[in-house]
Each structure stands twice: as C-alpha cells, then as structure tokens.
Amino acid sequence: METSLEKQPYESTKEYEEYGGFWLRFAAYLIDSIIVGIPLAILSIVIFMIFFGTSDAFNTMISDPSYMETEMTNEEAFAFMGSYFGALGVTFLVNLVVAVAYFAGLHASKWQGTVGKKLLGLKVTDLNGNRISFWRALGRYLAMAILSGIFLIGYIIAAFTEKKQALHDLIASTVVLKK
C-alpha cells in the first residue's frame, strides 16, 4: 500500500545523478553513530545509575570495601540482579526507540536521510526517486540492524549491485543517491 509520502515527486533528477558508494555511506553512518551514540551512552549510564542507586546491595558495596570479600545473601543477589536486568531492559528500549526515531524518522523526512547523509550529499529514495514512507524506512532500518551486520555481508553486497544497493536497500526497494 502506497502512502501519500511515497507519491511525492522526486525533487530534481539532475541534482542526484549517481548512487552513493560504500565508503561515502560508511562515513555518513560513522557521523550518525557519533551523533546518536554519545547521547545514548550518557543516557544509558544515567539509567544504570538510577537503577543501581536504588539497590541496597550496590550502596553497601560502595560504602564498605570489605563487603566485596563477603558472600552475598540470596536476597542481595536477587536485588542486585533485578536492578541490573531492569536497567538493561530500560536501556535497550530507550536505545531502540531513539535509533528508530533517528534513522527511520529522518529517512522518511523531507531531508530523505540522516544528518550524516545530509552532510555528505546523500539521500534515500525508492526505486523511482520518490521519498519513502516511515514504514518503509522502519523496515529498511530493521533489515540493516538485523541482517546487514551478520558478517557484514549485507554491506559487501553493495559492491556487486548495479545501483550500489546494500542488502537492506534490496529488501526495502530503496537506493541511496549522491549529488
């Protein structure tokens, strides 16, 4: 099902004539990783500090160094593990939401690409040069996150396709164009 976003016309066929190659796309992803990664790392540390700050076992470990030499009781171990897994779960969900909002949201936006892609003159379109919908961008991001990372084969494929499409581009029927 096509949405109104997918039907919007391609801005300029002459402005974007080449496909974005591997190294240019890699540089854009590196920029995006820094933009998203640093704030998420700080936020993850804060989340863990909040969860462990409420754990009596953690407070005791910090305040009494000799405590580390004693054996934990089952209750202390469960409290510590509960804090750890709670922090891990919340951190995972926050990271997922932020990454999806950043990558899928910006690929489906008027920019047609993330900040890294925009800085390097790249944009993501469907095979006809039109802006992609959020749902297609979400599918593209999930395919990239899940499939392309396996042995990097999803990225290596781009070297052998005519339109320099990685595996996630082939799955989502998208291309990355360069100015």
Protein backbone atom coordinates (compact mmCIF):
# COMPACT_ATOMS: atom_id res chain seq x y z
CA MET A 1 0.00 0.00 0.00
CA GLU A 2 1.48 3.33 -1.04
CA THR A 3 1.10 6.32 1.24
CA SER A 4 0.97 9.96 0.27
CA LEU A 5 4.61 10.37 1.32
CA GLU A 6 5.72 7.77 -1.23
CA LYS A 7 3.84 9.54 -4.02
CA GLN A 8 5.63 12.86 -3.59
CA PRO A 9 7.68 13.68 -6.67
CA TYR A 10 11.42 13.47 -6.89
CA GLU A 11 12.83 16.97 -6.30
CA SER A 12 15.40 17.14 -9.07
CA THR A 13 16.53 14.35 -11.33
CA LYS A 14 19.60 16.27 -12.42
CA GLU A 15 20.79 17.14 -8.89
CA TYR A 16 21.21 13.48 -7.87
CA GLU A 17 22.73 11.51 -10.71
CA GLU A 18 24.98 8.94 -9.03
CA TYR A 19 24.40 6.22 -6.48
CA GLY A 20 26.03 6.59 -3.08
CA GLY A 21 29.04 4.28 -2.80
CA PHE A 22 30.13 2.16 0.15
CA TRP A 23 32.78 4.48 1.63
CA LEU A 24 30.63 7.60 1.43
CA ARG A 25 27.75 5.75 3.07
CA PHE A 26 30.14 4.35 5.68
CA ALA A 27 31.33 7.88 6.52
CA ALA A 28 27.71 9.04 6.84
CA TYR A 29 26.95 6.13 9.16
CA LEU A 30 30.04 6.95 11.24
CA ILE A 31 28.83 10.55 11.64
CA ASP A 32 25.36 9.30 12.60
CA SER A 33 26.83 6.81 15.08
CA ILE A 34 28.64 9.65 16.85
CA ILE A 35 25.55 11.88 16.83
CA VAL A 36 23.32 9.14 18.26
CA GLY A 37 25.90 7.11 20.19
CA ILE A 38 27.33 9.74 22.53
CA PRO A 39 23.98 10.95 23.92
CA LEU A 40 22.72 7.36 24.20
CA ALA A 41 25.86 6.29 26.08
CA ILE A 42 25.37 9.14 28.56
CA LEU A 43 21.68 8.32 28.91
CA SER A 44 22.48 4.63 29.43
CA ILE A 45 24.92 5.48 32.23
CA VAL A 46 22.26 7.66 33.88
CA ILE A 47 19.69 4.85 33.63
CA PHE A 48 22.09 2.36 35.22
CA MET A 49 22.96 4.85 37.97
CA ILE A 50 19.28 5.37 38.75
CA PHE A 51 18.57 1.63 38.90
CA PHE A 52 21.67 0.78 40.91
CA GLY A 53 21.24 3.82 43.13
CA THR A 54 18.03 2.27 44.44
CA SER A 55 19.73 -1.06 45.13
CA ASP A 56 20.85 -1.59 48.75
CA ALA A 57 23.40 -4.18 47.63
CA PHE A 58 25.14 -1.66 45.39
CA ASN A 59 25.17 1.03 48.09
CA THR A 60 26.70 -1.41 50.55
CA MET A 61 29.38 -2.42 48.03
CA ILE A 62 30.40 1.19 47.51
CA SER A 63 30.34 2.23 51.16
CA ASP A 64 32.11 -0.85 52.59
CA PRO A 65 35.04 -2.20 50.50
CA SER A 66 35.39 -5.24 52.79
CA TYR A 67 31.83 -6.20 51.78
CA MET A 68 33.20 -7.44 48.44
CA GLU A 69 35.10 -10.16 50.29
CA THR A 70 31.97 -11.49 51.98
CA GLU A 71 29.41 -13.72 50.36
CA MET A 72 26.16 -12.15 49.14
CA THR A 73 22.89 -13.41 50.56
CA ASN A 74 20.25 -14.61 48.13
CA GLU A 75 18.15 -11.51 48.75
CA GLU A 76 21.08 -9.21 48.00
CA ALA A 77 21.92 -11.17 44.86
CA PHE A 78 18.32 -11.01 43.63
CA ALA A 79 18.15 -7.27 44.37
CA PHE A 80 21.40 -6.68 42.50
CA MET A 81 20.35 -8.83 39.52
CA GLY A 82 16.89 -7.21 39.47
CA SER A 83 18.48 -3.77 39.28
CA TYR A 84 20.87 -4.93 36.57
CA PHE A 85 18.23 -6.56 34.36
CA GLY A 86 15.79 -3.69 34.94
CA ALA A 87 18.41 -1.16 33.86
CA LEU A 88 19.37 -3.35 30.90
CA GLY A 89 15.74 -3.62 29.74
CA VAL A 90 15.01 0.09 30.05
CA THR A 91 18.30 0.97 28.33
CA PHE A 92 17.52 -1.42 25.46
CA LEU A 93 14.05 0.06 24.94
CA VAL A 94 15.29 3.67 25.10
CA ASN A 95 18.11 2.91 22.65
CA LEU A 96 15.72 1.15 20.26
CA VAL A 97 13.18 3.99 20.30
CA VAL A 98 15.84 6.67 19.78
CA ALA A 99 17.56 4.73 16.97
CA VAL A 100 14.28 4.05 15.16
CA ALA A 101 13.17 7.65 15.55
CA TYR A 102 16.52 8.94 14.27
CA PHE A 103 17.17 6.58 11.36
CA ALA A 104 13.64 5.71 10.17
CA GLY A 105 12.26 9.14 11.01
CA LEU A 106 14.94 11.08 9.16
CA HIS A 107 14.98 8.73 6.15
CA ALA A 108 11.23 9.31 5.77
CA SER A 109 11.50 13.04 6.42
CA LYS A 110 11.82 15.91 3.97
CA TRP A 111 15.62 15.51 4.22
CA GLN A 112 15.37 11.92 2.96
CA GLY A 113 18.37 10.98 5.04
CA THR A 114 20.09 11.28 8.38
CA VAL A 115 22.34 14.17 9.41
CA GLY A 116 25.39 12.20 8.21
CA LYS A 117 23.83 11.55 4.81
CA LYS A 118 22.73 15.18 4.53
CA LEU A 119 26.25 16.44 5.33
CA LEU A 120 27.73 14.19 2.64
CA GLY A 121 25.11 14.96 -0.03
CA LEU A 122 23.27 11.63 0.07
CA LYS A 123 19.57 10.87 0.17
CA VAL A 124 17.43 7.74 0.37
CA THR A 125 14.66 7.24 -2.19
CA ASP A 126 12.51 4.44 -3.51
CA LEU A 127 13.45 2.93 -6.87
CA ASN A 128 11.55 5.70 -8.67
CA GLY A 129 13.33 8.51 -6.84
CA ASN A 130 10.43 9.30 -4.50
CA ARG A 131 10.54 9.92 -0.78
CA ILE A 132 9.97 6.76 1.27
CA SER A 133 7.32 6.32 3.95
CA PHE A 134 8.11 5.90 7.63
CA TRP A 135 7.10 2.23 7.44
CA ARG A 136 9.46 1.53 4.55
CA ALA A 137 12.20 3.42 6.38
CA LEU A 138 11.46 1.35 9.51
CA GLY A 139 11.71 -1.88 7.52
CA ARG A 140 14.94 -0.66 5.94
CA TYR A 141 16.40 0.20 9.35
CA LEU A 142 15.37 -3.12 10.93
CA ALA A 143 16.78 -5.04 7.95
CA MET A 144 20.02 -3.09 8.31
CA ALA A 145 20.22 -3.63 12.07
CA ILE A 146 19.38 -7.33 12.00
CA LEU A 147 20.62 -8.70 8.68
CA SER A 148 23.35 -6.46 7.34
CA GLY A 149 25.52 -6.76 10.43
CA ILE A 150 25.88 -10.52 10.06
CA PHE A 151 29.43 -10.94 8.74
CA LEU A 152 28.92 -7.54 7.05
CA ILE A 153 27.61 -9.45 4.03
CA GLY A 154 24.69 -7.03 3.75
CA TYR A 155 27.12 -4.19 3.14
CA ILE A 156 29.52 -6.15 0.93
CA ILE A 157 26.63 -6.86 -1.46
CA ALA A 158 26.63 -3.14 -2.37
CA ALA A 159 29.92 -3.59 -4.21
CA PHE A 160 28.31 -6.08 -6.60
CA THR A 161 24.95 -4.48 -7.37
CA GLU A 162 24.36 -2.09 -10.24
CA LYS A 163 22.76 0.58 -8.07
CA LYS A 164 25.20 0.07 -5.14
CA GLN A 165 22.37 -1.30 -3.01
CA ALA A 166 23.17 -3.00 0.28
CA LEU A 167 21.01 -5.90 1.50
CA HIS A 168 18.70 -3.59 3.46
CA ASP A 169 18.22 -1.45 0.32
CA LEU A 170 17.31 -4.52 -1.74
CA ILE A 171 14.82 -5.68 0.90
CA ALA A 172 13.18 -2.23 1.20
CA SER A 173 13.43 -1.41 -2.53
CA THR A 174 15.42 1.75 -1.88
CA VAL A 175 18.53 3.40 -3.28
CA VAL A 176 20.94 5.97 -1.89
CA LEU A 177 21.65 8.79 -4.31
CA LYS A 178 24.62 11.17 -4.34
CA LYS A 179 24.76 14.79 -5.53
